[in-house]
Amino acid sequence: MGRAIYAVLSLRNHGIEGVIDPFSKDERVSGKEITEEMLKSVDCVIDFSSPECAVDNIKAYIDSGVAAVIGTTGWLDRLDEVKAYGEGKDPRIMYSGNYSIGVALFLKLVRKAGELYGKVSGYDMAVEEIHHNEKKDSPSGTALMIANALLDTVDRKKTLVLGNSEGKIGEDQLQVTSMRVGRVPGVHTVLIDSEVDTITLTHSARSRNGFALGAVMAAEWLKDTGRRGILTLDDYLNETFGE
C-alpha cells in the first residue's frame, strides 16, 4: 500500500515530506518512526500501518493537530477510546476499512439490496471475504462494513457470527467468513439465498491502486476543506457525490 500511495501522490503532483516504515529498506523511506517534528511539516498523513500501533498513531496526530487519513483496520474495537481522546482537542481524523471508491459504491448497493430483500420472507444472507495470506486481521474491515450495512437494513438480522459456526445458524444471525490465500488483493461477496433462487453481489479488487487513489482523494478533501472531527469516508463521499 505504501508504494501504491507513493505512486498516486506523485502522479497527482503532491510533495511527499516523509515515508515512515520500520521494516522496509526502500530508499524512499525517510524514517522508522513518527516524530513530532515530522508532523509539523505536513498537511496530511496517510496511515496504512498495523492494528498494534494504529491507536497510538492516531493520538499523536490528534495531539499535533495534523489531518490524517487512517486506512489501517483491526483497531475499531478501540474507536470509543479514540473519540474520547479527541474531545476538546479539535481532531482532523478520517478512518475507513476501505478507501476504494468502487467499494464505497458497492456498499450503497449492499444497503439497497438489504432494504429490498429484507422486506421479503424466505431470504437468508451471508458475507464472504478472501484476502492475501499476509493480511493480519480477520474478518476484513470491509467485510464488517458490509455486514453492518446488512444489519442496519434487514430487520430480521440482529447479530454477527464471525468465522465458522458451531452448529446451526439462527435466523437472526448473519455469518461472515474469511479465507486467506496467495496474493489476492481482496474479494467481498454478499450471498442472498432462498428456496427458489440465489443472488450474489461481488466486488473483486484487481490491485491496491483503487485503495490508494481513494485514500489520496480523501486526504485532499480533508486538507482542503479543513473539516474537523473523527470522520469517516462517508462524510467525504456524501459531501462530494451526494447522499
Protein backbone atom coordinates (compact mmCIF):
# COMPACT_ATOMS: atom_id res chain seq x y z
CA MET A 1 0.00 0.00 0.00
CA GLY A 2 2.85 2.39 0.76
CA ARG A 3 4.30 2.03 -2.72
CA ALA A 4 0.84 2.38 -4.32
CA ILE A 5 0.08 5.54 -2.33
CA TYR A 6 3.51 7.00 -3.15
CA ALA A 7 2.83 6.47 -6.86
CA VAL A 8 -0.61 8.13 -6.73
CA LEU A 9 0.74 11.11 -4.75
CA SER A 10 3.47 11.58 -7.34
CA LEU A 11 1.03 11.36 -10.26
CA ARG A 12 -1.20 13.98 -8.61
CA ASN A 13 1.81 16.31 -8.10
CA HIS A 14 1.89 16.26 -4.30
CA GLY A 15 5.07 16.85 -2.38
CA ILE A 16 5.98 13.88 -0.19
CA GLU A 17 7.60 15.11 3.02
CA GLY A 18 8.36 11.72 4.52
CA VAL A 19 7.85 7.98 4.33
CA ILE A 20 7.77 6.16 7.66
CA ASP A 21 8.30 2.39 7.70
CA PRO A 22 10.09 0.50 10.48
CA PHE A 23 10.72 -2.56 8.31
CA SER A 24 11.24 -1.56 4.67
CA LYS A 25 14.70 -0.94 3.24
CA ASP A 26 13.29 1.01 0.29
CA GLU A 27 15.45 4.06 -0.42
CA ARG A 28 12.38 6.30 -0.23
CA VAL A 29 11.88 5.53 3.48
CA SER A 30 12.91 8.61 5.46
CA GLY A 31 12.35 7.32 8.99
CA LYS A 32 11.48 4.34 11.14
CA GLU A 33 9.04 6.10 13.47
CA ILE A 34 6.69 9.07 13.56
CA THR A 35 8.16 12.16 15.23
CA GLU A 36 6.59 15.36 16.48
CA GLU A 37 8.99 17.38 14.31
CA MET A 38 7.98 15.50 11.16
CA LEU A 39 4.27 16.10 11.80
CA LYS A 40 4.86 19.88 11.91
CA SER A 41 5.90 19.93 8.25
CA VAL A 42 2.98 18.08 6.61
CA ASP A 43 -0.56 18.96 5.55
CA CYS A 44 -1.91 15.44 5.92
CA VAL A 45 -0.73 11.97 6.93
CA ILE A 46 -1.92 8.82 5.18
CA ASP A 47 -1.56 5.90 7.58
CA PHE A 48 -1.73 2.28 6.45
CA SER A 49 0.20 0.71 9.31
CA SER A 50 -0.89 -2.07 11.67
CA PRO A 51 -3.58 -2.59 14.31
CA GLU A 52 -0.96 -2.76 17.06
CA CYS A 53 0.17 0.85 16.59
CA ALA A 54 -2.89 2.46 14.96
CA VAL A 55 -4.43 3.99 18.10
CA ASP A 56 -1.12 5.42 19.36
CA ASN A 57 -0.51 6.89 15.90
CA ILE A 58 -3.96 8.49 15.81
CA LYS A 59 -3.45 10.01 19.26
CA ALA A 60 -0.17 11.52 18.01
CA TYR A 61 -1.95 13.04 15.02
CA ILE A 62 -4.67 14.47 17.27
CA ASP A 63 -2.06 16.00 19.60
CA SER A 64 -0.19 17.58 16.68
CA GLY A 65 -3.34 18.92 15.00
CA VAL A 66 -2.35 17.38 11.66
CA ALA A 67 -5.01 15.96 9.35
CA ALA A 68 -4.76 12.19 8.99
CA VAL A 69 -6.40 9.58 6.78
CA ILE A 70 -6.37 6.19 8.53
CA GLY A 71 -6.56 3.10 6.33
CA THR A 72 -5.41 0.65 8.99
CA THR A 73 -8.01 -1.92 10.02
CA GLY A 74 -8.39 -4.15 13.07
CA TRP A 75 -8.47 -1.37 15.72
CA LEU A 76 -12.10 -0.25 15.69
CA ASP A 77 -12.84 -2.02 18.97
CA ARG A 78 -10.98 0.99 20.45
CA LEU A 79 -12.88 3.64 18.46
CA ASP A 80 -14.66 4.94 21.58
CA GLU A 81 -11.26 5.42 23.21
CA VAL A 82 -10.08 7.47 20.22
CA LYS A 83 -13.24 9.59 20.22
CA ALA A 84 -12.87 10.26 23.95
CA TYR A 85 -9.22 11.21 23.46
CA GLY A 86 -10.19 13.69 20.76
CA GLU A 87 -12.76 15.54 22.87
CA GLY A 88 -11.74 19.17 23.24
CA LYS A 89 -8.67 18.72 21.00
CA ASP A 90 -10.06 19.65 17.56
CA PRO A 91 -9.10 16.39 15.75
CA ARG A 92 -8.89 16.11 11.96
CA ILE A 93 -9.08 12.35 11.55
CA MET A 94 -10.77 10.23 8.87
CA TYR A 95 -10.94 6.45 9.12
CA SER A 96 -12.32 3.71 6.91
CA GLY A 97 -11.93 -0.01 6.47
CA ASN A 98 -11.63 0.54 2.72
CA TYR A 99 -10.89 3.67 0.67
CA SER A 100 -11.81 2.24 -2.72
CA ILE A 101 -14.49 4.40 -4.34
CA GLY A 102 -15.73 1.22 -6.05
CA VAL A 103 -16.18 -0.44 -2.66
CA ALA A 104 -17.93 2.66 -1.29
CA LEU A 105 -20.48 2.47 -4.10
CA PHE A 106 -20.68 -1.31 -3.63
CA LEU A 107 -21.71 -0.67 -0.03
CA LYS A 108 -24.54 1.51 -1.29
CA LEU A 109 -25.68 -1.40 -3.49
CA VAL A 110 -25.49 -3.75 -0.49
CA ARG A 111 -27.62 -1.41 1.61
CA LYS A 112 -30.19 -1.18 -1.19
CA ALA A 113 -30.23 -4.98 -1.56
CA GLY A 114 -30.76 -5.29 2.20
CA GLU A 115 -33.67 -2.88 2.04
CA LEU A 116 -35.30 -4.80 -0.82
CA TYR A 117 -34.72 -8.44 0.14
CA GLY A 118 -35.18 -7.67 3.82
CA LYS A 119 -38.82 -7.00 3.06
CA VAL A 120 -39.35 -10.48 1.59
CA SER A 121 -39.53 -13.50 3.88
CA GLY A 122 -37.51 -16.58 2.98
CA TYR A 123 -34.26 -14.89 2.03
CA ASP A 124 -31.17 -15.61 4.09
CA MET A 125 -27.85 -13.77 3.77
CA ALA A 126 -24.14 -14.20 4.42
CA VAL A 127 -20.88 -12.36 3.75
CA GLU A 128 -17.65 -13.93 2.49
CA GLU A 129 -14.25 -12.30 2.04
CA ILE A 130 -10.94 -13.51 0.57
CA HIS A 131 -7.56 -11.79 1.02
CA HIS A 132 -3.84 -12.47 0.66
CA ASN A 133 -2.18 -14.66 3.24
CA GLU A 134 -0.29 -11.80 4.91
CA LYS A 135 -3.37 -9.87 5.99
CA LYS A 136 -3.35 -9.64 9.79
CA ASP A 137 -6.99 -9.00 10.69
CA SER A 138 -9.88 -11.35 10.05
CA PRO A 139 -12.58 -10.69 9.03
CA SER A 140 -11.52 -7.70 6.99
CA GLY A 141 -12.66 -4.23 7.91
CA THR A 142 -14.59 -4.07 4.64
CA ALA A 143 -16.42 -7.32 5.40
CA LEU A 144 -17.51 -5.89 8.73
CA MET A 145 -18.69 -2.70 6.99
CA ILE A 146 -20.74 -4.84 4.58
CA ALA A 147 -22.15 -6.99 7.38
CA ASN A 148 -23.14 -3.95 9.44
CA ALA A 149 -24.82 -2.41 6.38
CA LEU A 150 -26.99 -5.54 6.22
CA LEU A 151 -27.71 -5.44 9.95
CA ASP A 152 -28.83 -1.82 9.52
CA THR A 153 -31.22 -2.62 6.65
CA VAL A 154 -32.51 -6.15 7.33
CA ASP A 155 -34.68 -6.12 10.45
CA ARG A 156 -34.58 -9.89 10.99
CA LYS A 157 -30.76 -9.93 11.21
CA LYS A 158 -29.58 -8.87 14.68
CA THR A 159 -26.10 -10.29 15.35
CA LEU A 160 -22.97 -11.42 13.51
CA VAL A 161 -21.34 -14.85 13.55
CA LEU A 162 -17.67 -14.39 12.66
CA GLY A 163 -15.92 -17.39 11.15
CA ASN A 164 -17.12 -20.98 11.25
CA SER A 165 -20.34 -21.57 13.13
CA GLU A 166 -20.68 -24.08 15.93
CA GLY A 167 -23.89 -25.76 14.94
CA LYS A 168 -26.99 -24.26 13.36
CA ILE A 169 -27.11 -20.58 12.41
CA GLY A 170 -30.03 -18.71 13.93
CA GLU A 171 -32.45 -16.88 11.69
CA ASP A 172 -31.43 -13.62 13.35
CA GLN A 173 -27.71 -14.25 12.76
CA LEU A 174 -25.56 -13.13 9.82
CA GLN A 175 -22.44 -15.18 9.15
CA VAL A 176 -19.18 -13.56 7.98
CA THR A 177 -16.49 -15.95 6.75
CA SER A 178 -12.87 -15.33 5.75
CA MET A 179 -10.27 -17.04 3.60
CA ARG A 180 -6.55 -16.23 3.39
CA VAL A 181 -4.69 -17.42 0.31
CA GLY A 182 -1.89 -16.33 -2.02
CA ARG A 183 -1.74 -12.70 -3.13
CA VAL A 184 -5.47 -11.90 -3.52
CA PRO A 185 -5.91 -8.09 -3.08
CA GLY A 186 -9.48 -8.54 -1.86
CA VAL A 187 -12.78 -10.18 -2.83
CA HIS A 188 -16.01 -9.47 -0.94
CA THR A 189 -19.26 -11.28 -1.68
CA VAL A 190 -22.79 -10.94 -0.34
CA LEU A 191 -24.83 -14.11 -0.80
CA ILE A 192 -28.61 -13.81 -0.71
CA ASP A 193 -30.35 -17.19 -0.88
CA SER A 194 -33.87 -18.62 -0.85
CA GLU A 195 -35.56 -21.89 -1.82
CA VAL A 196 -36.14 -20.61 -5.35
CA ASP A 197 -33.12 -18.51 -6.26
CA THR A 198 -29.72 -17.14 -5.27
CA ILE A 199 -28.41 -13.60 -5.71
CA THR A 200 -24.71 -12.78 -5.37
CA LEU A 201 -23.12 -9.34 -5.20
CA THR A 202 -19.32 -9.40 -5.51
CA HIS A 203 -16.59 -6.79 -5.51
CA SER A 204 -13.16 -8.00 -6.64
CA ALA A 205 -10.17 -5.69 -6.36
CA ARG A 206 -7.63 -6.16 -9.17
CA SER A 207 -4.88 -4.27 -7.37
CA ARG A 208 -4.25 -1.93 -4.44
CA ASN A 209 -4.33 1.10 -6.74
CA GLY A 210 -8.03 1.75 -6.15
CA PHE A 211 -7.49 1.83 -2.39
CA ALA A 212 -4.53 4.18 -2.81
CA LEU A 213 -6.37 6.60 -5.11
CA GLY A 214 -9.35 6.80 -2.76
CA ALA A 215 -7.10 7.46 0.23
CA VAL A 216 -5.29 10.26 -1.58
CA MET A 217 -8.58 11.82 -2.74
CA ALA A 218 -9.84 11.66 0.85
CA ALA A 219 -6.63 13.33 2.07
CA GLU A 220 -7.03 16.12 -0.49
CA TRP A 221 -10.59 16.73 0.67
CA LEU A 222 -9.66 16.64 4.35
CA LYS A 223 -6.79 19.10 3.82
CA ASP A 224 -8.67 21.48 1.54
CA THR A 225 -11.95 21.61 3.44
CA GLY A 226 -10.38 21.90 6.89
CA ARG A 227 -13.10 19.64 8.27
CA ARG A 228 -12.80 18.77 11.95
CA GLY A 229 -13.80 15.73 13.95
CA ILE A 230 -13.45 11.96 13.89
CA LEU A 231 -14.78 11.47 10.37
CA THR A 232 -15.48 8.52 8.10
CA LEU A 233 -15.19 8.08 4.35
CA ASP A 234 -18.97 8.57 4.15
CA ASP A 235 -18.51 12.23 5.22
CA TYR A 236 -16.31 12.78 2.16
CA LEU A 237 -18.49 10.75 -0.22
CA ASN A 238 -21.76 12.34 0.86
CA GLU A 239 -20.37 15.86 0.51
CA THR A 240 -18.68 15.09 -2.82
CA PHE A 241 -21.20 12.82 -4.55
CA GLY A 242 -24.38 13.43 -2.54
CA GLU A 243 -26.12 11.04 -0.18
